[in-house]
Amino acid sequence: MRCTKCGTDSTTSRKFCAACGSPLSRSCPKCGAENAPSSAFCEDCGTALAGHAASAAASSPQASTAPNIRVTPEQSAGDPLDGERKTVTALFADIKGSTEMMEDLDPEQARAVIDPALKLMMDAAHRYDGYVVQSTGDGIFALFGAPVAREDHPQRSLFAALRMQEELRRYSAKVVADGGTPIQGRIGINTGEVVVRSIHTGAAHVEYTPIGHMTNLASRMQTAAPVGSIAVTEATRKLCEGYFILEPLGPTRVKGVTEPVNVYEVTGLGPLRTRLQRSAGRGLTKFVGREREMEAMRNAAELARAGRGQIVAAMAEAVGVRGIRLEDPGDVERGIAEALAHDGPALIDAVVSRASLIGTRSSERSCPTLRCVSGSKARIDSSVSPKKSSRMGEAAPGG
């Protein structure tokens, strides 16, 4: 046998070369057959010989037991939901006894009864800029003040609730006339802070929903409301008092709330319509150090009462329209009434013909100056001119 390393011929049946010490053959670990030193596999059984098993395993794809790992770009877990903190009013409305009503009805018949009621509810919410978050099957959940911000969102929600009840009563009368079951609604309202955010629930569907205890309490108000009524919390009552008639229902235990909640029932519209009227009812801030100006206003009121139209002008540095509450000619009478409020009832029964709000940059006047001019519009130019007026609260002679 010739040595594969040094080429020396071996005449004896030895296992190693006498010249270089290299092995002359390889024994198969499985069948024991002798193989040439250069053989990687047994020529009898095909088993990998020692020293070549590792290299064979590395070169053979079938022998590889390593897991098939695919490297892909790192997937983002998604950005956190963007939320916005807002003060809003939540409204929950549903049909009382809808489950019992639909028990004996075919689904198509139930749909024919419930869907018109839901549409009436949604139309009432949209009429006052409410946003319908979702339909609850036999009712709706609506937000006022978000996503469209409104300063008067509590009042808007109550206007919408009253309209819902009115429309449901009309619809119920029609259903009963057709031989159906009366439709009666319950509405719960609460005002408070929430975090509103947009949630993608599908490829082309986005929900704008609030999260916070305030909405849960509004839902509880719905269940606490008497049938056919509107129940509101103390928070909503404080913002709507005077605009609506609110009857206290007393402290009520509400699930999920530790302390009893004061509940109020909305029974109709109140006497107030504007924030100015509400401020006047609470008591307006009195004028201080404006005796001459007050006298000028009283004089204008008396002349207007006598049938002689007046023009009231305010002159000062950067006089703001809202600062004196004379926003348009229709507000003049109310403005004079405010000025006279602390002296008792205003004796005004004639609307002042016109209001002129004139701003001047004169450094000599840091406070508003009131001037009352009798007669026609043609006479006011020289009388109210800042350059010619030197006395505060002076009334020009009538014509």
Protein backbone atom coordinates (compact mmCIF):
# COMPACT_ATOMS: atom_id res chain seq x y z
CA MET A 1 0.00 0.00 0.00
CA ARG A 2 1.42 3.40 -0.99
CA CYS A 3 1.38 6.23 1.51
CA THR A 4 -0.74 9.09 0.16
CA LYS A 5 1.41 11.68 1.94
CA CYS A 6 5.05 10.73 1.19
CA GLY A 7 4.57 8.12 -1.56
CA THR A 8 6.49 5.33 0.24
CA ASP A 9 5.39 1.83 -0.54
CA SER A 10 4.61 -0.33 2.45
CA THR A 11 5.11 -4.02 2.01
CA THR A 12 3.52 -5.01 5.26
CA SER A 13 -0.07 -4.71 6.31
CA ARG A 14 0.54 -1.88 8.70
CA LYS A 15 -1.75 0.90 9.67
CA PHE A 16 0.86 3.69 9.51
CA CYS A 17 3.60 4.63 7.04
CA ALA A 18 7.09 3.72 8.22
CA ALA A 19 8.62 6.80 6.52
CA CYS A 20 6.28 9.63 7.67
CA GLY A 21 3.95 8.07 10.25
CA SER A 22 0.79 8.93 8.32
CA PRO A 23 -2.14 6.52 8.53
CA LEU A 24 -2.26 4.10 5.66
CA SER A 25 -5.99 3.37 5.93
CA ARG A 26 -9.16 4.46 7.69
CA SER A 27 -11.55 2.15 9.44
CA CYS A 28 -15.26 2.78 9.09
CA PRO A 29 -16.80 3.40 12.52
CA LYS A 30 -20.01 1.67 11.42
CA CYS A 31 -19.04 -1.42 9.44
CA GLY A 32 -15.27 -1.66 10.22
CA ALA A 33 -14.19 -1.76 6.56
CA GLU A 34 -10.75 -0.41 5.70
CA ASN A 35 -10.67 2.64 3.42
CA ALA A 36 -7.95 4.71 1.82
CA PRO A 37 -6.63 7.59 4.00
CA SER A 38 -8.00 10.17 1.53
CA SER A 39 -11.52 8.72 1.63
CA ALA A 40 -14.15 10.92 3.20
CA PHE A 41 -16.86 8.24 3.23
CA CYS A 42 -16.77 4.47 3.69
CA GLU A 43 -16.68 2.69 0.40
CA ASP A 44 -18.86 -0.15 1.78
CA CYS A 45 -21.62 1.64 3.67
CA GLY A 46 -21.18 5.37 2.84
CA THR A 47 -20.75 6.46 6.46
CA ALA A 48 -18.68 9.60 6.95
CA LEU A 49 -15.22 8.71 8.22
CA ALA A 50 -13.66 10.36 11.27
CA GLY A 51 -12.09 13.73 10.56
CA HIS A 52 -14.41 14.39 7.62
CA ALA A 53 -17.77 14.26 9.41
CA ALA A 54 -17.63 17.90 10.47
CA SER A 55 -16.64 19.14 7.02
CA ALA A 56 -19.25 16.94 5.39
CA ALA A 57 -21.94 18.28 7.67
CA ALA A 58 -20.88 21.83 6.85
CA SER A 59 -20.94 21.20 3.10
CA SER A 60 -24.15 19.16 2.97
CA PRO A 61 -27.37 21.19 3.07
CA GLN A 62 -29.40 18.11 4.07
CA ALA A 63 -27.30 17.56 7.16
CA SER A 64 -27.69 21.12 8.42
CA THR A 65 -29.89 21.37 11.50
CA ALA A 66 -29.49 25.13 11.99
CA PRO A 67 -32.82 27.01 12.01
CA ASN A 68 -33.76 28.88 8.87
CA ILE A 69 -33.38 32.50 9.97
CA ARG A 70 -34.67 35.27 7.71
CA VAL A 71 -33.40 38.74 8.37
CA THR A 72 -36.07 41.39 7.82
CA PRO A 73 -36.15 45.12 8.55
CA GLU A 74 -37.09 45.92 12.11
CA GLN A 75 -40.82 46.40 12.43
CA SER A 76 -42.00 49.45 14.34
CA ALA A 77 -44.40 48.81 17.19
CA GLY A 78 -46.31 51.89 16.10
CA ASP A 79 -46.31 55.41 17.42
CA PRO A 80 -48.30 56.05 20.59
CA LEU A 81 -51.79 57.42 20.07
CA ASP A 82 -51.87 61.19 20.06
CA GLY A 83 -54.41 62.51 22.55
CA GLU A 84 -55.73 65.96 23.38
CA ARG A 85 -57.11 67.03 26.74
CA LYS A 86 -60.44 68.81 26.41
CA THR A 87 -63.43 69.87 28.45
CA VAL A 88 -66.46 68.44 26.69
CA THR A 89 -70.04 67.43 27.34
CA ALA A 90 -71.06 63.81 26.77
CA LEU A 91 -74.62 62.78 25.93
CA PHE A 92 -75.97 59.24 26.09
CA ALA A 93 -79.44 58.50 24.79
CA ASP A 94 -81.30 55.23 24.38
CA ILE A 95 -84.78 53.77 24.00
CA LYS A 96 -86.17 52.46 27.25
CA GLY A 97 -87.39 48.87 27.09
CA SER A 98 -86.06 48.23 23.59
CA THR A 99 -84.94 44.71 24.51
CA GLU A 100 -88.41 43.68 25.64
CA MET A 101 -89.97 45.45 22.66
CA MET A 102 -87.81 43.59 20.15
CA GLU A 103 -88.22 40.20 21.83
CA ASP A 104 -91.38 39.38 19.86
CA LEU A 105 -90.42 41.21 16.67
CA ASP A 106 -88.69 39.94 13.59
CA PRO A 107 -85.26 41.61 13.11
CA GLU A 108 -86.54 43.42 10.04
CA GLN A 109 -89.53 44.72 11.98
CA ALA A 110 -87.30 45.80 14.87
CA ARG A 111 -85.05 47.64 12.48
CA ALA A 112 -88.02 49.43 10.95
CA VAL A 113 -88.97 50.71 14.42
CA ILE A 114 -85.54 51.51 15.91
CA ASP A 115 -83.75 53.08 12.94
CA PRO A 116 -86.08 56.11 12.59
CA ALA A 117 -85.66 56.81 16.31
CA LEU A 118 -81.86 56.65 16.00
CA LYS A 119 -81.96 59.03 13.06
CA LEU A 120 -84.03 61.51 15.10
CA MET A 121 -81.43 61.36 17.87
CA MET A 122 -78.49 61.85 15.52
CA ASP A 123 -80.19 64.70 13.66
CA ALA A 124 -80.83 66.51 16.94
CA ALA A 125 -77.17 66.12 17.97
CA HIS A 126 -75.90 67.34 14.60
CA ARG A 127 -78.26 70.32 14.67
CA TYR A 128 -76.33 71.69 17.67
CA ASP A 129 -72.86 70.76 16.37
CA GLY A 130 -72.64 67.51 18.29
CA TYR A 131 -70.39 64.67 17.16
CA VAL A 132 -71.92 61.19 17.23
CA VAL A 133 -69.15 58.94 18.51
CA GLN A 134 -71.07 55.72 18.02
CA SER A 135 -74.45 54.08 17.85
CA THR A 136 -75.17 51.72 20.73
CA GLY A 137 -77.80 49.67 18.88
CA ASP A 138 -80.83 51.32 20.44
CA GLY A 139 -79.22 54.67 21.25
CA ILE A 140 -76.32 57.02 20.59
CA PHE A 141 -73.25 58.43 22.31
CA ALA A 142 -72.52 62.04 21.26
CA LEU A 143 -69.90 64.64 22.18
CA PHE A 144 -70.31 68.40 22.32
CA GLY A 145 -67.22 70.61 22.35
CA ALA A 146 -65.04 68.18 20.38
CA PRO A 147 -63.81 67.78 17.72
CA VAL A 148 -65.43 71.18 17.01
CA ALA A 149 -64.75 73.44 20.00
CA ARG A 150 -67.72 75.42 21.29
CA GLU A 151 -67.75 77.61 24.39
CA ASP A 152 -71.41 76.85 25.02
CA HIS A 153 -71.20 73.08 24.51
CA PRO A 154 -73.09 72.29 27.76
CA GLN A 155 -76.06 74.38 26.63
CA ARG A 156 -75.91 72.89 23.14
CA SER A 157 -76.11 69.39 24.57
CA LEU A 158 -79.23 70.26 26.57
CA PHE A 159 -80.86 71.93 23.57
CA ALA A 160 -80.17 68.75 21.59
CA ALA A 161 -81.55 66.58 24.41
CA LEU A 162 -84.79 68.56 24.60
CA ARG A 163 -85.18 68.29 20.85
CA MET A 164 -84.58 64.53 20.98
CA GLN A 165 -87.31 64.06 23.55
CA GLU A 166 -89.72 66.22 21.60
CA GLU A 167 -89.08 64.35 18.35
CA LEU A 168 -89.30 60.97 20.08
CA ARG A 169 -92.69 61.86 21.54
CA ARG A 170 -93.97 62.74 18.08
CA TYR A 171 -92.56 59.55 16.62
CA SER A 172 -93.99 57.48 19.47
CA ALA A 173 -97.45 58.90 18.83
CA LYS A 174 -97.16 57.86 15.20
CA VAL A 175 -96.01 54.32 16.13
CA VAL A 176 -98.86 53.92 18.61
CA ALA A 177 -101.34 55.13 16.01
CA ASP A 178 -100.10 52.37 13.73
CA GLY A 179 -100.64 49.79 16.45
CA GLY A 180 -97.08 49.64 17.76
CA THR A 181 -95.47 49.96 21.19
CA PRO A 182 -94.74 53.45 22.59
CA ILE A 183 -91.18 54.68 22.13
CA GLN A 184 -89.69 56.39 25.18
CA GLY A 185 -86.15 57.67 25.54
CA ARG A 186 -83.77 58.34 28.40
CA ILE A 187 -80.91 60.83 28.15
CA GLY A 188 -77.94 61.34 30.46
CA ILE A 189 -75.50 64.26 30.24
CA ASN A 190 -72.27 65.16 32.03
CA THR A 191 -69.55 67.77 31.52
CA GLY A 192 -65.87 67.36 32.36
CA GLU A 193 -62.35 66.73 31.14
CA VAL A 194 -61.37 63.84 28.88
CA VAL A 195 -58.56 62.90 26.54
CA VAL A 196 -59.80 62.53 22.99
CA ARG A 197 -57.82 60.67 20.36
CA SER A 198 -58.22 59.06 16.95
CA ILE A 199 -57.99 55.27 16.82
CA HIS A 200 -57.52 53.36 13.54
CA THR A 201 -59.69 50.27 13.85
CA GLY A 202 -59.35 49.19 10.24
CA ALA A 203 -57.77 49.97 6.91
CA ALA A 204 -60.18 52.82 6.21
CA HIS A 205 -61.95 53.32 9.53
CA VAL A 206 -60.96 55.83 12.22
CA GLU A 207 -62.79 56.40 15.49
CA TYR A 208 -62.57 59.69 17.39
CA THR A 209 -63.25 58.64 20.96
CA PRO A 210 -62.78 60.12 24.44
CA ILE A 211 -61.44 58.38 27.51
CA GLY A 212 -62.07 59.47 31.07
CA HIS A 213 -64.37 59.01 34.03
CA MET A 214 -66.58 61.84 32.78
CA THR A 215 -68.06 59.74 29.96
CA ASN A 216 -68.74 56.83 32.30
CA LEU A 217 -70.69 59.14 34.60
CA ALA A 218 -72.71 60.46 31.65
CA SER A 219 -73.64 56.87 30.80
CA ARG A 220 -74.73 56.31 34.41
CA MET A 221 -76.90 59.42 34.21
CA GLN A 222 -78.74 57.83 31.31
CA THR A 223 -79.63 54.77 33.37
CA ALA A 224 -80.59 56.96 36.34
CA ALA A 225 -82.88 59.21 34.28
CA PRO A 226 -86.63 58.65 34.61
CA VAL A 227 -88.31 57.35 31.47
CA GLY A 228 -88.84 60.14 28.97
CA SER A 229 -86.58 62.59 30.81
CA ILE A 230 -83.10 64.15 30.77
CA ALA A 231 -80.73 63.71 33.73
CA VAL A 232 -77.62 65.88 34.23
CA THR A 233 -74.88 66.08 36.81
CA GLU A 234 -73.90 68.92 39.12
CA ALA A 235 -71.08 69.93 36.76
CA THR A 236 -73.50 70.45 33.88
CA ARG A 237 -76.04 72.21 36.09
CA LYS A 238 -73.52 74.86 37.13
CA LEU A 239 -72.85 75.74 33.50
CA CYS A 240 -76.48 75.69 32.35
CA GLU A 241 -78.35 77.15 35.30
CA GLY A 242 -80.71 79.90 34.19
CA TYR A 243 -80.75 78.76 30.57
CA PHE A 244 -82.86 75.72 31.48
CA ILE A 245 -85.30 74.69 34.18
CA LEU A 246 -83.56 72.11 36.37
CA GLU A 247 -85.37 70.09 39.01
CA PRO A 248 -83.20 68.36 41.66
CA LEU A 249 -83.69 64.60 41.95
CA GLY A 250 -81.48 64.39 45.03
CA PRO A 251 -78.23 62.50 45.71
CA THR A 252 -78.13 59.23 43.81
CA ARG A 253 -75.87 56.23 44.25
CA VAL A 254 -74.12 55.53 40.98
CA LYS A 255 -72.24 52.35 40.17
CA GLY A 256 -68.51 52.97 40.04
CA VAL A 257 -68.66 56.22 42.03
CA THR A 258 -67.82 56.29 45.73
CA GLU A 259 -69.93 59.25 46.80
CA PRO A 260 -73.58 59.91 45.88
CA VAL A 261 -74.03 62.12 42.82
CA ASN A 262 -76.43 65.05 42.70
CA VAL A 263 -78.75 64.48 39.76
CA TYR A 264 -80.97 67.09 38.12
CA GLU A 265 -83.79 66.67 35.63
CA VAL A 266 -84.10 69.10 32.73
CA THR A 267 -87.75 70.02 32.31
CA GLY A 268 -87.63 72.95 29.87
CA LEU A 269 -86.05 76.21 28.82
CA GLY A 270 -85.14 78.86 31.36
CA PRO A 271 -85.49 82.66 31.13
CA LEU A 272 -81.89 83.36 30.06
CA ARG A 273 -80.67 83.33 26.48
CA THR A 274 -77.26 85.06 26.55
CA ARG A 275 -74.24 85.13 28.83
CA LEU A 276 -74.81 88.85 29.33
CA GLN A 277 -78.22 88.15 30.84
CA ARG A 278 -76.73 85.55 33.14
CA SER A 279 -73.99 87.95 34.28
CA ALA A 280 -76.57 90.63 34.97
CA GLY A 281 -78.56 88.16 37.06
CA ARG A 282 -75.51 87.33 39.15
CA GLY A 283 -74.61 90.99 39.55
CA LEU A 284 -72.44 93.07 37.23
CA THR A 285 -69.24 94.76 38.35
CA LYS A 286 -70.02 98.30 39.42
CA PHE A 287 -68.42 101.31 37.81
CA VAL A 288 -65.95 103.05 40.13
CA GLY A 289 -65.08 106.73 39.80
CA ARG A 290 -67.34 107.34 36.81
CA GLU A 291 -69.90 109.73 38.26
CA ARG A 292 -69.94 112.07 35.26
CA GLU A 293 -70.08 109.19 32.80
CA MET A 294 -72.92 107.60 34.75
CA GLU A 295 -74.79 110.89 34.75
CA ALA A 296 -74.34 111.15 30.98
CA MET A 297 -75.77 107.65 30.57
CA ARG A 298 -78.74 108.48 32.79
CA ASN A 299 -79.36 111.64 30.79
CA ALA A 300 -79.30 109.65 27.56
CA ALA A 301 -81.74 107.16 29.04
CA GLU A 302 -84.16 109.89 30.11
CA LEU A 303 -84.02 111.59 26.72
CA ALA A 304 -84.54 108.28 24.94
CA ARG A 305 -87.48 107.59 27.22
CA ALA A 306 -88.94 110.93 26.21
CA GLY A 307 -88.72 109.93 22.56
CA ARG A 308 -85.55 111.82 21.58
CA GLY A 309 -83.10 109.34 20.06
CA GLN A 310 -79.56 109.41 21.46
CA ILE A 311 -76.09 108.46 20.30
CA VAL A 312 -73.54 107.28 22.89
CA ALA A 313 -69.86 107.55 21.99
CA ALA A 314 -66.90 106.16 23.97
CA MET A 315 -63.53 107.79 23.36
CA ALA A 316 -60.21 106.66 24.84
CA GLU A 317 -57.03 104.84 23.96
CA ALA A 318 -57.78 101.48 22.34
CA VAL A 319 -61.36 101.27 23.52
CA GLY A 320 -62.49 97.68 23.05
CA VAL A 321 -66.00 96.94 21.96
CA ARG A 322 -66.34 94.20 24.54
CA GLY A 323 -64.92 96.42 27.25
CA ILE A 324 -68.10 98.52 27.34
CA ARG A 325 -70.51 95.83 26.14
CA LEU A 326 -72.00 97.87 23.32
CA GLU A 327 -71.52 95.42 20.51
CA ASP A 328 -74.20 96.52 18.09
CA PRO A 329 -77.09 98.99 17.97
CA GLY A 330 -79.42 96.34 19.38
CA ASP A 331 -77.28 96.04 22.50
CA VAL A 332 -77.33 99.74 23.40
CA GLU A 333 -80.44 99.51 25.51
CA ARG A 334 -78.94 96.61 27.44
CA GLY A 335 -75.68 98.51 27.82
CA ILE A 336 -77.41 101.48 29.41
CA ALA A 337 -79.38 99.14 31.62
CA GLU A 338 -76.09 97.65 32.84
CA ALA A 339 -74.75 101.10 33.65
CA LEU A 340 -77.87 101.84 35.72
CA ALA A 341 -78.17 98.38 37.27
CA HIS A 342 -76.65 99.30 40.62
CA ASP A 343 -79.12 102.19 41.11
CA GLY A 344 -82.21 100.04 40.69
CA PRO A 345 -84.41 99.15 37.74
CA ALA A 346 -83.53 101.03 34.59
CA LEU A 347 -86.21 103.36 33.29
CA ILE A 348 -85.65 102.64 29.63
CA ASP A 349 -88.51 101.84 27.33
CA ALA A 350 -87.14 103.23 24.07
CA VAL A 351 -84.31 101.69 22.10
CA VAL A 352 -81.44 104.11 21.56
CA SER A 353 -81.21 104.86 17.88
CA ARG A 354 -77.50 104.22 17.32
CA ALA A 355 -74.18 103.57 19.08
CA SER A 356 -70.90 105.03 17.84
CA LEU A 357 -67.70 103.60 19.27
CA ILE A 358 -64.83 105.97 18.47
CA GLY A 359 -61.25 105.16 19.47
CA THR A 360 -58.64 107.89 19.80
CA ARG A 361 -54.93 107.80 20.51
CA SER A 362 -54.98 110.95 22.56
CA SER A 363 -52.49 110.59 25.42
CA GLU A 364 -54.63 112.84 27.57
CA ARG A 365 -57.34 110.16 27.89
CA SER A 366 -56.42 106.84 29.47
CA CYS A 367 -60.04 106.06 30.41
CA PRO A 368 -63.15 106.01 28.23
CA THR A 369 -65.12 109.22 27.85
CA LEU A 370 -68.86 109.00 27.28
CA ARG A 371 -70.65 111.69 25.29
CA CYS A 372 -74.37 111.73 24.62
CA VAL A 373 -75.70 113.67 21.68
CA SER A 374 -79.37 114.42 21.06
CA GLY A 375 -80.99 114.93 17.71
CA SER A 376 -80.18 113.75 14.26
CA LYS A 377 -77.12 111.91 13.02
CA ALA A 378 -75.91 115.04 11.17
CA ARG A 379 -75.10 116.87 14.43
CA ILE A 380 -72.67 114.41 15.98
CA ASP A 381 -69.50 115.16 14.01
CA SER A 382 -68.29 118.19 15.93
CA SER A 383 -69.82 117.18 19.25
CA VAL A 384 -67.98 113.86 19.61
CA SER A 385 -64.70 114.95 18.06
CA PRO A 386 -61.82 114.13 20.46
CA LYS A 387 -60.05 117.40 19.58
CA LYS A 388 -62.95 119.61 20.68
CA SER A 389 -64.20 117.71 23.73
CA SER A 390 -62.56 118.78 26.96
CA ARG A 391 -65.02 117.67 29.62
CA MET A 392 -65.75 114.03 30.42
CA GLY A 393 -69.36 113.02 30.30
CA GLU A 394 -70.56 116.36 28.87
CA ALA A 395 -73.88 116.16 27.04
CA ALA A 396 -74.35 118.33 23.99
CA PRO A 397 -77.48 120.46 23.83
CA GLY A 398 -80.42 118.96 22.04
CA GLY A 399 -81.84 120.26 18.80
